[in-house]
N, C-alpha and C. Protein backbone atom coordinates (compact mmCIF):
# COMPACT_ATOMS: atom_id res chain seq x y z
N UNK A 1 54.95 -7.91 -39.93
CA UNK A 1 53.74 -7.14 -40.02
C UNK A 1 53.09 -7.08 -38.64
N UNK A 2 52.64 -5.91 -38.28
CA UNK A 2 51.96 -5.77 -36.99
C UNK A 2 50.62 -5.09 -37.19
N UNK A 3 49.67 -5.45 -36.38
CA UNK A 3 48.32 -4.89 -36.43
C UNK A 3 48.01 -4.29 -35.07
N UNK A 4 47.55 -3.06 -35.10
CA UNK A 4 47.14 -2.41 -33.85
C UNK A 4 45.62 -2.30 -33.85
N UNK A 5 45.03 -2.80 -32.80
CA UNK A 5 43.57 -2.76 -32.67
C UNK A 5 43.23 -1.98 -31.40
N UNK A 6 42.34 -1.01 -31.56
CA UNK A 6 41.89 -0.23 -30.40
C UNK A 6 40.52 -0.76 -29.98
N UNK A 7 40.44 -1.21 -28.75
CA UNK A 7 39.20 -1.74 -28.22
C UNK A 7 38.86 -0.97 -26.95
N UNK A 8 37.62 -0.50 -26.86
CA UNK A 8 37.19 0.21 -25.67
C UNK A 8 36.51 -0.78 -24.74
N UNK A 9 36.98 -0.85 -23.51
CA UNK A 9 36.43 -1.77 -22.52
C UNK A 9 35.82 -0.99 -21.37
N UNK A 10 34.75 -1.52 -20.83
CA UNK A 10 34.16 -0.98 -19.61
C UNK A 10 34.48 -1.94 -18.48
N UNK A 11 34.74 -1.40 -17.32
CA UNK A 11 35.09 -2.21 -16.16
C UNK A 11 33.81 -2.77 -15.53
N UNK A 12 33.81 -4.09 -15.31
CA UNK A 12 32.68 -4.77 -14.68
C UNK A 12 33.23 -5.53 -13.48
N UNK A 13 32.50 -5.51 -12.37
CA UNK A 13 32.90 -6.23 -11.17
C UNK A 13 31.92 -7.37 -10.94
N UNK A 14 32.44 -8.58 -10.75
CA UNK A 14 31.60 -9.75 -10.50
C UNK A 14 30.90 -9.59 -9.15
N UNK A 15 29.60 -9.79 -9.13
CA UNK A 15 28.82 -9.67 -7.90
C UNK A 15 29.11 -10.83 -6.95
N UNK A 16 29.65 -11.94 -7.46
CA UNK A 16 29.90 -13.11 -6.62
C UNK A 16 31.29 -13.09 -5.99
N UNK A 17 32.32 -12.84 -6.80
CA UNK A 17 33.70 -12.95 -6.28
C UNK A 17 34.44 -11.62 -6.20
N UNK A 18 33.86 -10.56 -6.78
CA UNK A 18 34.51 -9.24 -6.73
C UNK A 18 35.60 -9.05 -7.76
N UNK A 19 35.79 -10.01 -8.64
CA UNK A 19 36.80 -9.92 -9.69
C UNK A 19 36.43 -8.80 -10.67
N UNK A 20 37.38 -7.94 -10.99
CA UNK A 20 37.15 -6.87 -11.97
C UNK A 20 37.69 -7.30 -13.32
N UNK A 21 36.91 -7.05 -14.37
CA UNK A 21 37.34 -7.42 -15.72
C UNK A 21 36.71 -6.47 -16.72
N UNK A 22 37.28 -6.43 -17.91
CA UNK A 22 36.81 -5.53 -18.95
C UNK A 22 35.86 -6.23 -19.90
N UNK A 23 34.84 -5.50 -20.31
CA UNK A 23 33.87 -6.00 -21.29
C UNK A 23 33.81 -5.00 -22.43
N UNK A 24 33.90 -5.48 -23.65
CA UNK A 24 33.80 -4.65 -24.85
C UNK A 24 32.52 -3.81 -24.78
N UNK A 25 32.61 -2.53 -25.12
CA UNK A 25 31.48 -1.61 -25.01
C UNK A 25 30.28 -2.10 -25.83
N UNK A 26 30.52 -2.53 -27.08
CA UNK A 26 29.41 -2.98 -27.91
C UNK A 26 28.74 -4.22 -27.31
N UNK A 27 29.57 -5.11 -26.77
CA UNK A 27 29.03 -6.33 -26.16
C UNK A 27 28.21 -5.99 -24.91
N UNK A 28 28.71 -5.06 -24.10
CA UNK A 28 27.97 -4.66 -22.90
C UNK A 28 26.62 -4.05 -23.28
N UNK A 29 26.63 -3.18 -24.30
CA UNK A 29 25.37 -2.58 -24.74
C UNK A 29 24.38 -3.65 -25.19
N UNK A 30 24.87 -4.63 -25.92
CA UNK A 30 24.02 -5.73 -26.38
C UNK A 30 23.49 -6.54 -25.20
N UNK A 31 24.33 -6.84 -24.23
CA UNK A 31 23.91 -7.60 -23.05
C UNK A 31 22.87 -6.84 -22.23
N UNK A 32 23.05 -5.54 -22.12
CA UNK A 32 22.06 -4.73 -21.39
C UNK A 32 20.74 -4.66 -22.14
N UNK A 33 20.79 -4.57 -23.45
CA UNK A 33 19.58 -4.47 -24.27
C UNK A 33 18.79 -5.78 -24.25
N UNK A 34 19.48 -6.90 -24.36
CA UNK A 34 18.80 -8.19 -24.47
C UNK A 34 18.55 -8.87 -23.14
N UNK A 35 19.36 -8.54 -22.13
CA UNK A 35 19.23 -9.20 -20.84
C UNK A 35 19.92 -10.56 -20.80
N UNK A 36 20.70 -10.90 -21.84
CA UNK A 36 21.42 -12.17 -21.88
C UNK A 36 22.46 -12.24 -20.77
N UNK A 37 22.80 -13.47 -20.38
CA UNK A 37 23.79 -13.67 -19.33
C UNK A 37 25.20 -13.79 -19.91
N UNK A 38 26.20 -13.66 -19.03
CA UNK A 38 27.61 -13.81 -19.39
C UNK A 38 28.34 -14.31 -18.16
N UNK A 39 29.63 -14.58 -18.27
CA UNK A 39 30.41 -15.15 -17.17
C UNK A 39 31.61 -14.29 -16.85
N UNK A 40 31.95 -14.24 -15.56
CA UNK A 40 33.18 -13.57 -15.15
C UNK A 40 34.34 -14.53 -15.45
N UNK A 41 35.60 -14.05 -15.39
CA UNK A 41 36.74 -14.93 -15.67
C UNK A 41 36.82 -16.15 -14.73
N UNK A 42 36.19 -16.07 -13.56
CA UNK A 42 36.20 -17.19 -12.62
C UNK A 42 35.02 -18.13 -12.83
N UNK A 43 34.18 -17.86 -13.84
CA UNK A 43 33.10 -18.76 -14.20
C UNK A 43 31.75 -18.48 -13.55
N UNK A 44 31.62 -17.37 -12.84
CA UNK A 44 30.33 -17.04 -12.23
C UNK A 44 29.37 -16.47 -13.28
N UNK A 45 28.14 -16.93 -13.23
CA UNK A 45 27.12 -16.47 -14.18
C UNK A 45 26.60 -15.10 -13.75
N UNK A 46 26.55 -14.16 -14.68
CA UNK A 46 26.13 -12.79 -14.40
C UNK A 46 25.13 -12.31 -15.45
N UNK A 47 24.32 -11.32 -15.09
CA UNK A 47 23.47 -10.60 -16.05
C UNK A 47 23.40 -9.15 -15.60
N UNK A 48 22.99 -8.29 -16.51
CA UNK A 48 22.76 -6.90 -16.17
C UNK A 48 21.31 -6.67 -15.80
N UNK A 49 20.56 -7.74 -15.58
CA UNK A 49 19.14 -7.65 -15.26
C UNK A 49 18.31 -7.74 -16.52
N UNK A 50 17.04 -7.45 -16.38
CA UNK A 50 16.14 -7.51 -17.53
C UNK A 50 16.61 -6.53 -18.60
N UNK A 51 16.58 -6.95 -19.82
CA UNK A 51 16.98 -6.09 -20.92
C UNK A 51 15.96 -5.00 -21.19
N UNK A 52 16.37 -4.01 -21.98
CA UNK A 52 15.48 -2.91 -22.31
C UNK A 52 14.20 -3.41 -22.98
N UNK A 53 14.34 -4.38 -23.86
CA UNK A 53 13.18 -4.90 -24.58
C UNK A 53 12.20 -5.53 -23.59
N UNK A 54 12.71 -6.31 -22.66
CA UNK A 54 11.85 -6.97 -21.67
C UNK A 54 11.18 -5.95 -20.77
N UNK A 55 11.94 -4.94 -20.33
CA UNK A 55 11.36 -3.88 -19.49
C UNK A 55 10.24 -3.14 -20.23
N UNK A 56 10.46 -2.87 -21.52
CA UNK A 56 9.44 -2.18 -22.30
C UNK A 56 8.20 -3.05 -22.48
N UNK A 57 8.39 -4.36 -22.68
CA UNK A 57 7.24 -5.26 -22.79
C UNK A 57 6.42 -5.26 -21.51
N UNK A 58 7.11 -5.31 -20.37
CA UNK A 58 6.41 -5.29 -19.08
C UNK A 58 5.67 -3.98 -18.90
N UNK A 59 6.31 -2.87 -19.23
CA UNK A 59 5.66 -1.55 -19.10
C UNK A 59 4.44 -1.47 -20.02
N UNK A 60 4.55 -2.01 -21.24
CA UNK A 60 3.42 -2.00 -22.17
C UNK A 60 2.26 -2.82 -21.62
N UNK A 61 2.55 -3.99 -21.06
CA UNK A 61 1.49 -4.82 -20.48
C UNK A 61 0.79 -4.10 -19.34
N UNK A 62 1.56 -3.40 -18.50
CA UNK A 62 0.96 -2.64 -17.39
C UNK A 62 0.06 -1.53 -17.91
N UNK A 63 0.52 -0.81 -18.94
CA UNK A 63 -0.28 0.26 -19.53
C UNK A 63 -1.56 -0.27 -20.15
N UNK A 64 -1.46 -1.41 -20.83
CA UNK A 64 -2.65 -2.01 -21.44
C UNK A 64 -3.64 -2.45 -20.37
N UNK A 65 -3.14 -3.04 -19.28
CA UNK A 65 -4.01 -3.46 -18.18
C UNK A 65 -4.70 -2.25 -17.55
N UNK A 66 -3.96 -1.16 -17.38
CA UNK A 66 -4.54 0.06 -16.80
C UNK A 66 -5.62 0.62 -17.73
N UNK A 67 -5.36 0.57 -19.04
CA UNK A 67 -6.34 1.07 -20.02
C UNK A 67 -7.62 0.25 -19.96
N UNK A 68 -7.49 -1.08 -19.92
CA UNK A 68 -8.68 -1.93 -19.87
C UNK A 68 -9.43 -1.75 -18.57
N UNK A 69 -8.72 -1.53 -17.46
CA UNK A 69 -9.38 -1.29 -16.18
C UNK A 69 -10.15 0.02 -16.23
N UNK A 70 -9.55 1.05 -16.83
CA UNK A 70 -10.23 2.35 -16.95
C UNK A 70 -11.48 2.21 -17.81
N UNK A 71 -11.38 1.46 -18.91
CA UNK A 71 -12.56 1.24 -19.77
C UNK A 71 -13.65 0.49 -19.02
N UNK A 72 -13.25 -0.48 -18.21
CA UNK A 72 -14.22 -1.25 -17.42
C UNK A 72 -14.90 -0.35 -16.40
N UNK A 73 -14.10 0.49 -15.72
CA UNK A 73 -14.66 1.43 -14.75
C UNK A 73 -15.62 2.40 -15.43
N UNK A 74 -15.23 2.89 -16.60
CA UNK A 74 -16.08 3.82 -17.35
C UNK A 74 -17.39 3.16 -17.74
N UNK A 75 -17.32 1.92 -18.16
CA UNK A 75 -18.52 1.17 -18.54
C UNK A 75 -19.46 1.01 -17.35
N UNK A 76 -18.89 0.71 -16.18
CA UNK A 76 -19.70 0.56 -14.96
C UNK A 76 -20.36 1.88 -14.59
N UNK A 77 -19.62 2.96 -14.66
CA UNK A 77 -20.17 4.28 -14.32
C UNK A 77 -21.27 4.66 -15.30
N UNK A 78 -21.05 4.39 -16.58
CA UNK A 78 -22.05 4.70 -17.60
C UNK A 78 -23.34 3.91 -17.35
N UNK A 79 -23.21 2.64 -17.00
CA UNK A 79 -24.39 1.81 -16.72
C UNK A 79 -25.16 2.35 -15.52
N UNK A 80 -24.44 2.77 -14.47
CA UNK A 80 -25.10 3.33 -13.28
C UNK A 80 -25.81 4.64 -13.63
N UNK A 81 -25.18 5.47 -14.46
CA UNK A 81 -25.79 6.74 -14.85
C UNK A 81 -27.05 6.50 -15.67
N UNK A 82 -26.99 5.53 -16.59
CA UNK A 82 -28.18 5.23 -17.40
C UNK A 82 -29.32 4.71 -16.53
N UNK A 83 -28.99 3.89 -15.53
CA UNK A 83 -30.02 3.37 -14.62
C UNK A 83 -30.65 4.51 -13.82
N UNK A 84 -29.80 5.44 -13.35
CA UNK A 84 -30.31 6.58 -12.60
C UNK A 84 -31.19 7.46 -13.48
N UNK A 85 -30.77 7.70 -14.71
CA UNK A 85 -31.58 8.50 -15.64
C UNK A 85 -32.94 7.86 -15.88
N UNK A 86 -32.96 6.55 -16.02
CA UNK A 86 -34.21 5.83 -16.26
C UNK A 86 -35.13 5.93 -15.04
N UNK A 87 -34.56 5.81 -13.86
CA UNK A 87 -35.37 5.93 -12.63
C UNK A 87 -35.97 7.33 -12.52
N UNK A 88 -35.15 8.35 -12.82
CA UNK A 88 -35.65 9.73 -12.76
C UNK A 88 -36.74 9.94 -13.80
N UNK A 89 -36.53 9.40 -15.00
CA UNK A 89 -37.55 9.53 -16.05
C UNK A 89 -38.86 8.88 -15.64
N UNK A 90 -38.80 7.86 -14.80
CA UNK A 90 -40.00 7.17 -14.32
C UNK A 90 -40.58 7.82 -13.07
N UNK A 91 -39.99 8.94 -12.64
CA UNK A 91 -40.53 9.69 -11.50
C UNK A 91 -40.05 9.21 -10.15
N UNK A 92 -38.97 8.43 -10.09
CA UNK A 92 -38.44 7.94 -8.82
C UNK A 92 -37.34 8.89 -8.35
N UNK A 93 -37.48 9.38 -7.14
CA UNK A 93 -36.50 10.30 -6.58
C UNK A 93 -35.18 9.58 -6.36
N UNK A 94 -34.06 10.13 -6.87
CA UNK A 94 -32.76 9.48 -6.69
C UNK A 94 -32.23 9.58 -5.26
N UNK A 95 -32.83 10.46 -4.46
CA UNK A 95 -32.36 10.65 -3.09
C UNK A 95 -33.11 9.75 -2.10
N UNK A 96 -34.44 9.78 -2.14
CA UNK A 96 -35.22 9.02 -1.16
C UNK A 96 -35.92 7.81 -1.78
N UNK A 97 -35.80 7.62 -3.08
CA UNK A 97 -36.31 6.46 -3.82
C UNK A 97 -37.83 6.27 -3.72
N UNK A 98 -38.53 7.39 -3.62
CA UNK A 98 -40.00 7.34 -3.65
C UNK A 98 -40.46 7.88 -4.99
N UNK A 99 -41.66 7.46 -5.40
CA UNK A 99 -42.22 7.90 -6.68
C UNK A 99 -43.04 9.17 -6.49
N UNK A 100 -42.91 10.08 -7.48
CA UNK A 100 -43.64 11.34 -7.43
C UNK A 100 -44.14 11.67 -8.82
N UNK A 101 -45.33 12.28 -8.88
CA UNK A 101 -45.85 12.74 -10.16
C UNK A 101 -45.05 13.94 -10.64
N UNK A 102 -44.71 14.84 -9.71
CA UNK A 102 -43.91 16.01 -10.06
C UNK A 102 -42.56 15.90 -9.35
N UNK A 103 -41.68 15.12 -9.93
CA UNK A 103 -40.37 14.86 -9.32
C UNK A 103 -39.52 16.12 -9.20
N UNK A 104 -39.62 16.98 -10.22
CA UNK A 104 -38.82 18.21 -10.22
C UNK A 104 -39.17 19.08 -9.00
N UNK A 105 -40.45 19.23 -8.73
CA UNK A 105 -40.87 20.05 -7.59
C UNK A 105 -40.43 19.39 -6.27
N UNK A 106 -40.55 18.06 -6.18
CA UNK A 106 -40.14 17.34 -4.98
C UNK A 106 -38.65 17.54 -4.69
N UNK A 107 -37.82 17.38 -5.71
CA UNK A 107 -36.37 17.53 -5.52
C UNK A 107 -36.02 18.96 -5.13
N UNK A 108 -36.68 19.92 -5.77
CA UNK A 108 -36.40 21.32 -5.47
C UNK A 108 -36.75 21.66 -4.03
N UNK A 109 -37.86 21.09 -3.51
CA UNK A 109 -38.29 21.43 -2.16
C UNK A 109 -37.64 20.55 -1.08
N UNK A 110 -37.44 19.27 -1.35
CA UNK A 110 -36.94 18.34 -0.33
C UNK A 110 -35.43 18.05 -0.41
N UNK A 111 -34.84 18.22 -1.58
CA UNK A 111 -33.42 17.91 -1.77
C UNK A 111 -32.73 19.04 -2.53
N UNK A 112 -32.67 20.23 -1.96
CA UNK A 112 -32.08 21.38 -2.69
C UNK A 112 -30.58 21.19 -2.98
N UNK A 113 -29.90 20.33 -2.26
CA UNK A 113 -28.47 20.09 -2.50
C UNK A 113 -28.24 19.25 -3.75
N UNK A 114 -29.28 18.58 -4.25
CA UNK A 114 -29.15 17.73 -5.41
C UNK A 114 -28.95 18.59 -6.66
N UNK A 115 -28.05 18.19 -7.58
CA UNK A 115 -27.82 18.99 -8.78
C UNK A 115 -29.11 19.22 -9.55
N UNK A 116 -29.36 20.47 -9.93
CA UNK A 116 -30.64 20.83 -10.54
C UNK A 116 -30.86 20.18 -11.89
N UNK A 117 -29.84 19.98 -12.70
CA UNK A 117 -30.00 19.40 -14.03
C UNK A 117 -30.22 17.90 -14.00
N UNK A 118 -29.95 17.23 -12.90
CA UNK A 118 -30.02 15.77 -12.85
C UNK A 118 -31.44 15.25 -12.71
N UNK A 119 -32.37 16.10 -12.30
CA UNK A 119 -33.74 15.62 -12.09
C UNK A 119 -34.58 15.69 -13.34
N UNK A 120 -34.04 16.13 -14.42
CA UNK A 120 -34.82 16.19 -15.67
C UNK A 120 -35.62 17.47 -15.76
N UNK A 121 -36.40 17.61 -16.82
CA UNK A 121 -37.17 18.84 -17.06
C UNK A 121 -38.57 18.72 -16.54
């Protein structure tokens, strides 16, 4: 009785000794996905680098950090805007920081470059 088995191998070269050897396709895919290590026929320890799962975890952490930084920046900007609105409501010029009874007229005459809607009504 004879059994014929077809196995697909991918060629891998050892980074340490240059030895070329075949690795089963399914096993290579698994090693690339998980980042697990393996050995060349001469006993050198090898990996395909960080696995897909690990790379995705790192990318997710970076995205989450960027999101929290953006939220923090937004919070800071909102606080500054609220402080500026309160100062304007109290009649303090946002440009020269002096108090005026008619702030709108002062801004229109002394700071025409200032956005017209920012000084209030």
